[in-house]
C-alpha atoms as a PDB file:
ATOM      1  CA  MET A   1       0.185  -0.233   0.260  1.00  0.00           C
ATOM      2  CA  VAL A   2       1.461   3.750  -0.605  1.00  0.00           C
ATOM      3  CA  SER A   3       1.220   5.830   2.115  1.00  0.00           C
ATOM      4  CA  VAL A   4       0.760   9.254   1.484  1.00  0.00           C
ATOM      5  CA  SER A   5       4.076  10.264   2.279  1.00  0.00           C
ATOM      6  CA  ASP A   6       5.894   7.948  -0.226  1.00  0.00           C
ATOM      7  CA  GLU A   7       6.806  10.143  -3.133  1.00  0.00           C
ATOM      8  CA  LYS A   8       7.538   7.139  -5.369  1.00  0.00           C
ATOM      9  CA  TYR A   9       4.124   8.090  -6.804  1.00  0.00           C
ATOM     10  CA  LYS A  10       3.160  11.373  -7.677  1.00  0.00           C
ATOM     11  CA  ILE A  11       0.183  12.508  -9.499  1.00  0.00           C
ATOM     12  CA  THR A  12       1.405  15.266 -12.377  1.00  0.00           C
ATOM     13  CA  GLY A  13      -1.668  16.250 -14.519  1.00  0.00           C
ATOM     14  CA  VAL A  14      -5.564  15.322 -15.117  1.00  0.00           C
ATOM     15  CA  TYR A  15      -6.574  15.992 -18.168  1.00  0.00           C
ATOM     16  CA  GLN A  16     -10.010  16.598 -19.205  1.00  0.00           C
ATOM     17  CA  GLY A  17     -11.544  15.388 -22.649  1.00  0.00           C
ATOM     18  CA  LYS A  18     -15.536  15.379 -23.963  1.00  0.00           C
ATOM     19  CA  ILE A  19     -14.637  11.574 -24.122  1.00  0.00           C
ATOM     20  CA  LEU A  20     -11.935  10.779 -22.337  1.00  0.00           C
ATOM     21  CA  ALA A  21     -10.607  12.068 -19.059  1.00  0.00           C
ATOM     22  CA  ALA A  22      -6.617  11.056 -17.958  1.00  0.00           C
ATOM     23  CA  VAL A  23      -3.857  11.024 -14.895  1.00  0.00           C
ATOM     24  CA  GLY A  24      -0.571  11.664 -15.146  1.00  0.00           C
ATOM     25  CA  VAL A  25       1.896  10.031 -12.916  1.00  0.00           C
ATOM     26  CA  LYS A  26       5.009  10.530 -11.875  1.00  0.00           C
ATOM     27  CA  ASN A  27       6.704   6.744 -11.067  1.00  0.00           C
ATOM     28  CA  SER A  28      10.065   7.697  -9.262  1.00  0.00           C
ATOM     29  CA  HIS A  29      12.416   4.687  -9.214  1.00  0.00           C
ATOM     30  CA  GLU A  30      16.281   4.975  -7.685  1.00  0.00           C
ATOM     31  CA  ILE A  31      18.240   4.999 -11.331  1.00  0.00           C
ATOM     32  CA  LYS A  32      15.547   6.918 -13.748  1.00  0.00           C
ATOM     33  CA  SER A  33      11.594   8.605 -13.163  1.00  0.00           C
ATOM     34  CA  THR A  34       8.978   7.034 -16.004  1.00  0.00           C
ATOM     35  CA  TYR A  35       5.408   9.680 -16.232  1.00  0.00           C
ATOM     36  CA  PRO A  36       2.964   6.753 -17.588  1.00  0.00           C
ATOM     37  CA  LEU A  37      -0.593   8.168 -18.492  1.00  0.00           C
ATOM     38  CA  TYR A  38      -3.448   6.394 -17.656  1.00  0.00           C
ATOM     39  CA  PRO A  39      -6.839   7.095 -19.440  1.00  0.00           C
ATOM     40  CA  ILE A  40     -10.148   6.366 -18.087  1.00  0.00           C
ATOM     41  CA  VAL A  41     -13.640   5.934 -20.059  1.00  0.00           C
ATOM     42  CA  GLN A  42     -16.925   6.845 -18.761  1.00  0.00           C
ATOM     43  CA  THR A  43     -19.390   3.599 -18.897  1.00  0.00           C
ATOM     44  CA  PRO A  44     -22.737   2.307 -17.696  1.00  0.00           C
ATOM     45  CA  ASP A  45     -21.006   1.122 -14.626  1.00  0.00           C
ATOM     46  CA  GLY A  46     -18.769   3.642 -13.863  1.00  0.00           C
ATOM     47  CA  PRO A  47     -15.503   5.442 -15.021  1.00  0.00           C
ATOM     48  CA  LYS A  48     -12.792   2.856 -16.145  1.00  0.00           C
ATOM     49  CA  ILE A  49      -9.358   3.236 -16.231  1.00  0.00           C
ATOM     50  CA  LEU A  50      -7.727   1.478 -20.174  1.00  0.00           C
ATOM     51  CA  SER A  51      -4.949  -0.285 -18.697  1.00  0.00           C
ATOM     52  CA  GLU A  52      -4.293  -2.092 -22.105  1.00  0.00           C
ATOM     53  CA  ILE A  53      -3.510   1.227 -23.584  1.00  0.00           C
ATOM     54  CA  ASP A  54       0.102   1.814 -22.818  1.00  0.00           C
ATOM     55  CA  LEU A  55       1.515   5.481 -22.873  1.00  0.00           C
ATOM     56  CA  PHE A  56       3.958   6.701 -21.369  1.00  0.00           C
ATOM     57  CA  TYR A  57       6.139  10.726 -21.572  1.00  0.00           C
ATOM     58  CA  SER A  58       8.371   9.784 -24.387  1.00  0.00           C
ATOM     59  CA  HIS A  59      11.646  11.035 -26.102  1.00  0.00           C
ATOM     60  CA  ASN A  60      13.392   8.489 -27.920  1.00  0.00           C
ATOM     61  CA  ARG A  61      11.632   6.482 -31.070  1.00  0.00           C
ATOM     62  CA  GLY A  62      10.971   3.336 -29.404  1.00  0.00           C
ATOM     63  CA  ARG A  63       9.106   4.294 -26.531  1.00  0.00           C
ATOM     64  CA  GLU A  64       6.523   6.451 -29.704  1.00  0.00           C
ATOM     65  CA  PHE A  65       6.411   3.501 -31.856  1.00  0.00           C
ATOM     66  CA  LEU A  66       4.820   1.986 -28.523  1.00  0.00           C
ATOM     67  CA  ASN A  67       2.701   4.798 -27.967  1.00  0.00           C
ATOM     68  CA  LYS A  68       1.629   4.801 -31.349  1.00  0.00           C
ATOM     69  CA  THR A  69       0.389   1.290 -31.228  1.00  0.00           C
ATOM     70  CA  SER A  70      -1.610   2.256 -28.241  1.00  0.00           C
ATOM     71  CA  PHE A  71      -3.419   5.037 -29.846  1.00  0.00           C
ATOM     72  CA  GLU A  72      -3.811   2.589 -33.065  1.00  0.00           C
ATOM     73  CA  ARG A  73      -5.170  -0.121 -30.503  1.00  0.00           C
ATOM     74  CA  LEU A  74      -7.679   2.927 -28.868  1.00  0.00           C
ATOM     75  CA  GLU A  75      -9.322   3.283 -32.269  1.00  0.00           C
ATOM     76  CA  LYS A  76     -10.190  -0.454 -32.234  1.00  0.00           C
ATOM     77  CA  LEU A  77     -11.428  -0.482 -28.469  1.00  0.00           C
ATOM     78  CA  ILE A  78     -13.826   3.292 -28.893  1.00  0.00           C
ATOM     79  CA  SER A  79     -12.767   5.003 -31.979  1.00  0.00           C
ATOM     80  CA  PRO A  80     -10.962   6.845 -34.443  1.00  0.00           C
ATOM     81  CA  ILE A  81     -12.554  10.314 -32.731  1.00  0.00           C
ATOM     82  CA  ALA A  82     -11.778   9.177 -29.368  1.00  0.00           C
ATOM     83  CA  ALA A  83      -8.033   8.068 -30.183  1.00  0.00           C
ATOM     84  CA  ASP A  84      -7.872  11.759 -31.622  1.00  0.00           C
ATOM     85  CA  GLU A  85      -9.038  13.326 -28.690  1.00  0.00           C
ATOM     86  CA  LEU A  86      -6.675  11.101 -26.404  1.00  0.00           C
ATOM     87  CA  LYS A  87      -3.339  12.515 -28.592  1.00  0.00           C
ATOM     88  CA  VAL A  88      -4.945  15.723 -27.500  1.00  0.00           C
ATOM     89  CA  LEU A  89      -4.753  14.999 -23.731  1.00  0.00           C
ATOM     90  CA  TYR A  90      -1.415  13.216 -24.665  1.00  0.00           C
ATOM     91  CA  ALA A  91       0.154  15.964 -26.209  1.00  0.00           C
ATOM     92  CA  GLU A  92      -0.386  18.106 -22.615  1.00  0.00           C
ATOM     93  CA  HIS A  93       0.443  15.443 -20.358  1.00  0.00           C
ATOM     94  CA  GLN A  94       3.660  15.207 -22.659  1.00  0.00           C
ATOM     95  CA  LYS A  95       4.149  19.279 -22.135  1.00  0.00           C
ATOM     96  CA  GLN A  96       3.916  19.253 -18.414  1.00  0.00           C
ATOM     97  CA  ILE A  97       6.384  16.748 -18.596  1.00  0.00           C
ATOM     98  CA  LYS A  98       9.106  18.213 -19.785  1.00  0.00           C
ATOM     99  CA  ALA A  99       8.247  21.745 -18.019  1.00  0.00           C
ATOM    100  CA  ILE A 100       8.892  19.291 -14.663  1.00  0.00           C
ATOM    101  CA  GLU A 101      11.964  17.735 -16.693  1.00  0.00           C
ATOM    102  CA  ASP A 102      13.319  21.359 -17.110  1.00  0.00           C
ATOM    103  CA  GLU A 103      12.659  22.685 -13.716  1.00  0.00           C
ATOM    104  CA  GLU A 104      14.501  19.363 -11.889  1.00  0.00           C
ATOM    105  CA  SER A 105      17.167  19.778 -14.231  1.00  0.00           C
ATOM    106  CA  ARG A 106      17.943  23.257 -12.808  1.00  0.00           C
END
């Protein structure tokens, strides 16, 4: 269980669209931090995290390829419109994490 004082995990942003919402997280490791983005969709049973959509902040081609694959999966899972909206939310996440990394490197 993660305690409130545990700095390993931190919400970096909450992004809201018309179809989806997404939550950005900083996941700190000893060597390097990762920044996943968890998309959330409203279902008749309530909100659902789309764990099969694997998006992370990226600045390398390998991760960008994996993110692209996740957007393609979302197009098939929900719709191309939802995928386009998530791309906008993801771009906001990328911008936010870039700002965090720039601030931390000062």
